[in-house]
Each structure stands twice: as C-alpha cells, then as structure tokens.
Amino acid sequence: MNPLRLISLVALAAALPACNGKPSSSSDNSSAPVGQDSAAHAGLVELAAAFVPITLEAGTHEAEYVDAYYGPADLKAKAEAKPRSRADLETAAKAAVVRLDREVIPGLTDPDDLVRARALRDFYQAAATRLAMIGGQGFSFDDEAQGLFGVKPQLKPLSHYDAILAGLNDLVPGTGALPARVDAFNERYAIPKERLQRVFDAAIAECRKRTMKHFTLPKEESFKLEFVTGKPWSGYNYYKGNYHSLIQVNTDLPIRISRAVDLGCHEGYPGHHVLNLMIESKLARGKGWREYEVNPLYSPQSLISEGSANFGIDLAFPGPERLAFERDVLYPLAGLDPKTAETYWKVQQATEALTGARLTIARMYLDGEINRAKAVELSQKYLLLSPQRAEQSVGFTDHYRSYVINYGLGKDMVQAYVDAAGPDATTRWKRMEHVLSDAVIPADLLKR
C-alpha cells in the first residue's frame, strides 16, 4: 500500500470537516477523565463525529458504501444533498489517520478512549483505502485486505487442498469427476421452494432460542425474512436500526438443507442481527459513540461481523447437536429422509476444510495470476462446485473483491479468540459477547 502523504498540521486541520448537523439522539456521553489530556480527548470526540458525514458522503460515490445508518435523518439528508468530492473525502480520511496517530492517541490515557481511538483509526484507514479504490487506484490483494479490513491474510497454496480432495473421493458415492459427484449428491438435499418458509422459520427460531440462553437482548428486537432473486450473495442482513433487521435469502440456486441453520445463525442469531443491535445498544446509544451510528461495508468491522457470524454457527450448534436438530426437526419439514442426514452431515464437515481455497483462488484472480475462466475452473475443482455455483462464487469476488477474506479468515480468528477462553460454554459465550458488543478490531483477536 502506498504510504500516506506528508501533510502539514495546518493542511490537516483544513482537510477535516467541522462537526455539524443536528446532535445525535445519543450524544457523546464520554468526558475527559481526570488527569488525561483534554485536548486529545476533545480531538477524539471531534474525529468520531466527523466520521459519520464522511461515510455518508462517500455513500454518494458508491451505492453500497454505507451498509447501515441509524443516526439523525437530517444529517444523512445534508450529507447526500451536498457531498464533497471523492478526492476531498479521501484527503479528509487520510488526514484523520495522521491526526489520530500524531495528536490524539499519544495523548490519551483512559483505556476506554484508547480502545475507541484505535478502532476509529482503523475505520478511517479503511475509508481512505476504499475511496482511493473508487478513484481507480489499484492495490494488491494483500494490501487491499490490510487497508480495508485491518489484516494481511496468510493463505495456503492450492496444493495444500489436494490431500483433502483425495480423502473426499472415498466419502462421496458414485463415479466420475469429484466436483460433479459432490454437487449431484448435495442437490439431493435441496429444500423444495414451497417448504423454504417453514424450514427457515424453524431454523431461525432455534438459533434465537440457543442465543437467548446466553444473551439478554432488547425486548423490542425483531427481524423480517424475505426470499429474493438476482443477487450476488446467498444471504444478507440489512440492519435498519432500533433493533430491527431485514434478512434476505437468495433463491437463484436451490437452497440445501444445511443452509437453513447456516443463514439462520449467520444473518440472525448470534450473527449480524445480534451484533448490530448490541453495537447500537451498547456503543451508539449507551456510550454515545457516534461513529457506530454508521456502518461502512468496507471496514475492519466487517471482518469481526462476518467472522463472528460464521463462528456463531458452531458456537450455537456444537458438534452433533446440529446434526440432531437438522435430522429430527428440519428434515421432516423439508420432506427429506432423516435416515440420510448423517451421511450428508459428514460430507459437509469434510468439505468445510476446503474453505481456505476460495481465498487463495480470489487472490490469484484479483492479482492477475489467473483469468476469470481459470478462477471458475479452480473453484469447481477445489470448492467442489457445479459450473453455475462456481460462476456465482467468482461473481461474488468480482463484486466484493478482497471482502471474501472476512468469512473464512474472520471465522478462524474469532474461533481462535473464543477457544482461548477454554471449554466452559458460559465463558465462551461471554467472550463472544465481548466480540459482538465492544469496540473490537481484528488485531484484538490475535491477543489471546
């Protein structure tokens, strides 16, 4: 990644926007602790407030830039009515990083402020990177991931996955090429469209029930489930604020029985819906940290969000508990034979070990080592996908680029962090709650 330009302190001050707009319904509740540099604390509060209009204005330059916003409506309207240029926003974001590094973080002593400032610094760095990308600047896959999501992935070569493929040869029945056999086997477990609603309702209800055993959520929390088509993703959570989410499931391709629990946990409980409402409740409302009223799609928070959502599946349904629930509850609702559930479950467990291959293929493709046709071919071989599903996988990479690291790598990082708490379920869920509701950044997950 290109180093930040050296900017004078005068230029830095000029580049940063004034904090304007109607005060938030939850104004910043923090005040400089006794003995702390009040100027550093004031700078932190100023930069936190400035992050919101910068993000909202950036959303006028890229349609998907803002993933969620639940701050004052008039601030959003003002930002969209007269946004700064992309270049000016990039300069402001870079200036904020420098100011945090030089003036703010060195002067802070309160632990809460330091945690907040370091997270805010990474948010601004991600904004600067994404705005540069919108302007046409190219980055290597690794540098892009570092700039946007705060981590440089260490990926395995595709040859690492050859032994896993060899093991799957004996597990999946039939003859012919392994990807075709696995796809044909998996298709036998597709949920009929007329049964999708009842299967997903049951899956999400169980995900919520298991999550509520460990978390206390606002009584007014809710979600709406929709089935849609024509999307580059399989599922999406649109967080609307006030503890409500719209969860959409893409039905372009047949949905297999395993995806009900996957998406129920990932998009709902204890995944995106829970993380977003906890952030709103604890940070945006509870502490008045205004930067958490807006959620950019390309941010270190996305690695936390996607990683915790994927690991949340295993946390809520450890080991054979998932198999038992799917076999005894979901299979009958889907009209599938429960006697075959264990065989399907074993294949899914085995193919999980191939997840990292998707990231390696994405890096090779985006760095220009292979063309798109080769990326589709390798996705079929190493992810055991049909041509149609391989096209969808590479299409996601076309659209979201290095965002793909947040699923596999993010899950590994969150899992390692929670596993470090030991085997006690209560302790593990407590550590997960910290990941979901505090100002955690990817670097924090490496601290055991």
Foldseek 3Di string as FASTA:
>chain_A
DDDQDDDDPVVLVVLQDFQDDDAWPFAFQDAADPPFDRVLVVLLSGLLSSLVLLQLLVCLLPVQFFLEFDTDPVSSVVSNVDPDDLVSSLSNLSSSLVCLVPPHLVRGDDPQSNLSSVQSSLQSQLSNLVSVVSVPDDDALQVNCCRQANHRDDFDDLVVLPVLLVVVVVLFDDDDAQLVSVAVVQVLQFFPPVLVVVLLVVLLVLLVVLQVVQDDAPPPAEEAEEEAEDDLDQKDWRDHDPNYIYIYGYVNDGDGLVVSNLSSQCRHHPADSVLLRLQCVCPCRVRVSVSSSIDTCRGSVLLLRQQLSRLSSCLSQPDCSVLVCCLPPNCVSRVHHSVCSVSVVVSVVSLVVLLSVLLVLLSCDSNVVDDPVVSLVVCCRRNSHDSVVSVSSVSCCVVPPSSSCSNVVSNVLLVQQLCVQDDDSNSSSVSSSCSSNDSDGSVNSVPD
